[in-house]
Amino acid sequence: SNLRILRVLRLTRLTRIFRVLRVVRFVRPLQTLVHAIFQTVRALLWASMLLFLINYMFAILFTDVVNSYLSDAQIAATEGPMLHKFFGTLQSSTLTLFQSISGGLSWAD
């Protein structure tokens, strides 16, 4: 009777070991997947930084051109406030350009 209980315990231990071995088999692909995700996030951050720098450079350019245009030219009463609203300051130019590339603002507005 005691021998039978010991045999059953040994069998349960063996099945437990086989379960662990089956799970360990999946750990390596999981490590590879996590590593690939971290590498992708790093590339995404660099791409986002590049996008922000390009957006910022064009915001500087548009702000300078709009402010020069508004100070020099005689423009229509409807055109001036809109230009100043969207491109009058560097912050508003950056926001306007970001909204236009992300779908938050249409060029028709």
Protein backbone atom coordinates (compact mmCIF):
# COMPACT_ATOMS: atom_id res chain seq x y z
CA SER A 1 0.00 0.00 0.00
CA ASN A 2 2.82 2.42 0.88
CA LEU A 3 4.72 1.37 -2.23
CA ARG A 4 1.74 2.09 -4.38
CA ILE A 5 1.44 5.62 -2.92
CA LEU A 6 5.16 6.24 -3.57
CA ARG A 7 4.78 5.11 -7.17
CA VAL A 8 1.82 7.43 -7.69
CA LEU A 9 3.83 10.31 -6.19
CA ARG A 10 6.75 9.54 -8.52
CA LEU A 11 4.43 9.51 -11.49
CA THR A 12 2.91 12.85 -10.52
CA ARG A 13 6.39 14.32 -10.12
CA LEU A 14 7.35 13.03 -13.56
CA THR A 15 4.26 14.54 -15.14
CA ARG A 16 5.01 17.83 -13.40
CA ILE A 17 8.55 17.79 -14.82
CA PHE A 18 7.20 17.12 -18.32
CA ARG A 19 4.81 20.05 -17.97
CA VAL A 20 7.67 22.33 -16.98
CA LEU A 21 9.76 21.13 -19.92
CA ARG A 22 6.85 21.82 -22.22
CA VAL A 23 6.57 25.40 -20.92
CA VAL A 24 10.35 25.99 -21.10
CA ARG A 25 10.17 25.19 -24.79
CA PHE A 26 8.11 28.36 -25.30
CA VAL A 27 10.33 30.66 -23.24
CA ARG A 28 12.96 31.20 -25.94
CA PRO A 29 10.48 32.43 -28.58
CA LEU A 30 8.92 34.66 -25.92
CA GLN A 31 12.32 36.18 -25.18
CA THR A 32 12.86 36.75 -28.89
CA LEU A 33 9.46 38.42 -29.18
CA VAL A 34 10.08 40.75 -26.22
CA HIS A 35 13.51 41.68 -27.61
CA ALA A 36 11.98 42.47 -31.00
CA ILE A 37 9.31 44.67 -29.39
CA PHE A 38 11.95 46.67 -27.49
CA GLN A 39 14.00 47.15 -30.66
CA THR A 40 10.88 48.34 -32.48
CA VAL A 41 10.02 50.82 -29.74
CA ARG A 42 13.53 52.26 -29.96
CA ALA A 43 13.17 52.73 -33.72
CA LEU A 44 9.71 54.25 -33.21
CA LEU A 45 11.11 56.82 -30.78
CA TRP A 46 13.83 57.85 -33.23
CA ALA A 47 11.29 58.15 -36.05
CA SER A 48 9.03 60.25 -33.82
CA MET A 49 11.94 62.53 -32.93
CA LEU A 50 12.79 62.97 -36.61
CA LEU A 51 9.15 63.75 -37.42
CA PHE A 52 9.04 66.34 -34.63
CA LEU A 53 12.26 68.00 -35.84
CA ILE A 54 10.99 68.23 -39.41
CA ASN A 55 7.67 69.59 -38.16
CA TYR A 56 9.48 72.15 -35.98
CA MET A 57 11.71 73.32 -38.84
CA PHE A 58 8.73 73.90 -41.11
CA ALA A 59 6.87 75.63 -38.28
CA ILE A 60 9.78 78.08 -37.95
CA LEU A 61 9.75 78.66 -41.70
CA PHE A 62 5.97 79.15 -41.92
CA THR A 63 5.88 81.46 -38.89
CA ASP A 64 8.61 83.64 -40.35
CA VAL A 65 7.01 83.78 -43.80
CA VAL A 66 3.51 84.51 -42.46
CA ASN A 67 4.72 87.23 -40.10
CA SER A 68 6.73 88.84 -42.90
CA TYR A 69 3.72 88.66 -45.20
CA LEU A 70 1.38 90.11 -42.58
CA SER A 71 3.69 93.00 -41.79
CA ASP A 72 4.47 93.94 -45.41
CA ALA A 73 1.40 93.33 -47.53
CA GLN A 74 -2.06 94.76 -47.65
CA ILE A 75 -4.15 91.62 -47.29
CA ALA A 76 -7.86 90.94 -47.21
CA ALA A 77 -9.64 91.21 -43.89
CA THR A 78 -10.60 87.53 -43.97
CA GLU A 79 -7.13 86.24 -44.78
CA GLY A 80 -5.11 88.01 -42.08
CA PRO A 81 -6.81 86.71 -38.92
CA MET A 82 -6.82 83.15 -40.22
CA LEU A 83 -3.13 83.27 -41.09
CA HIS A 84 -2.33 84.76 -37.71
CA LYS A 85 -4.50 82.18 -35.93
CA PHE A 86 -2.84 79.17 -37.55
CA PHE A 87 0.70 80.43 -38.21
CA GLY A 88 1.14 83.61 -36.14
CA THR A 89 3.28 82.09 -33.39
CA LEU A 90 5.72 79.22 -33.34
CA GLN A 91 3.48 77.20 -31.02
CA SER A 92 0.42 77.65 -33.18
CA SER A 93 2.40 76.79 -36.32
CA THR A 94 3.75 73.61 -34.73
CA LEU A 95 0.28 72.62 -33.57
CA THR A 96 -1.28 73.39 -36.94
CA LEU A 97 1.29 71.35 -38.84
CA PHE A 98 0.98 68.43 -36.43
CA GLN A 99 -2.80 68.49 -36.71
CA SER A 100 -2.60 68.62 -40.49
CA ILE A 101 -0.40 65.51 -40.71
CA SER A 102 -2.26 63.55 -38.03
CA GLY A 103 -5.77 64.11 -39.38
CA GLY A 104 -6.85 66.55 -36.66
CA LEU A 105 -7.14 69.52 -39.00
CA SER A 106 -8.08 69.60 -42.64
CA TRP A 107 -6.37 72.00 -45.04
CA ALA A 108 -9.85 73.07 -46.10
CA ASP A 109 -10.68 74.45 -42.61
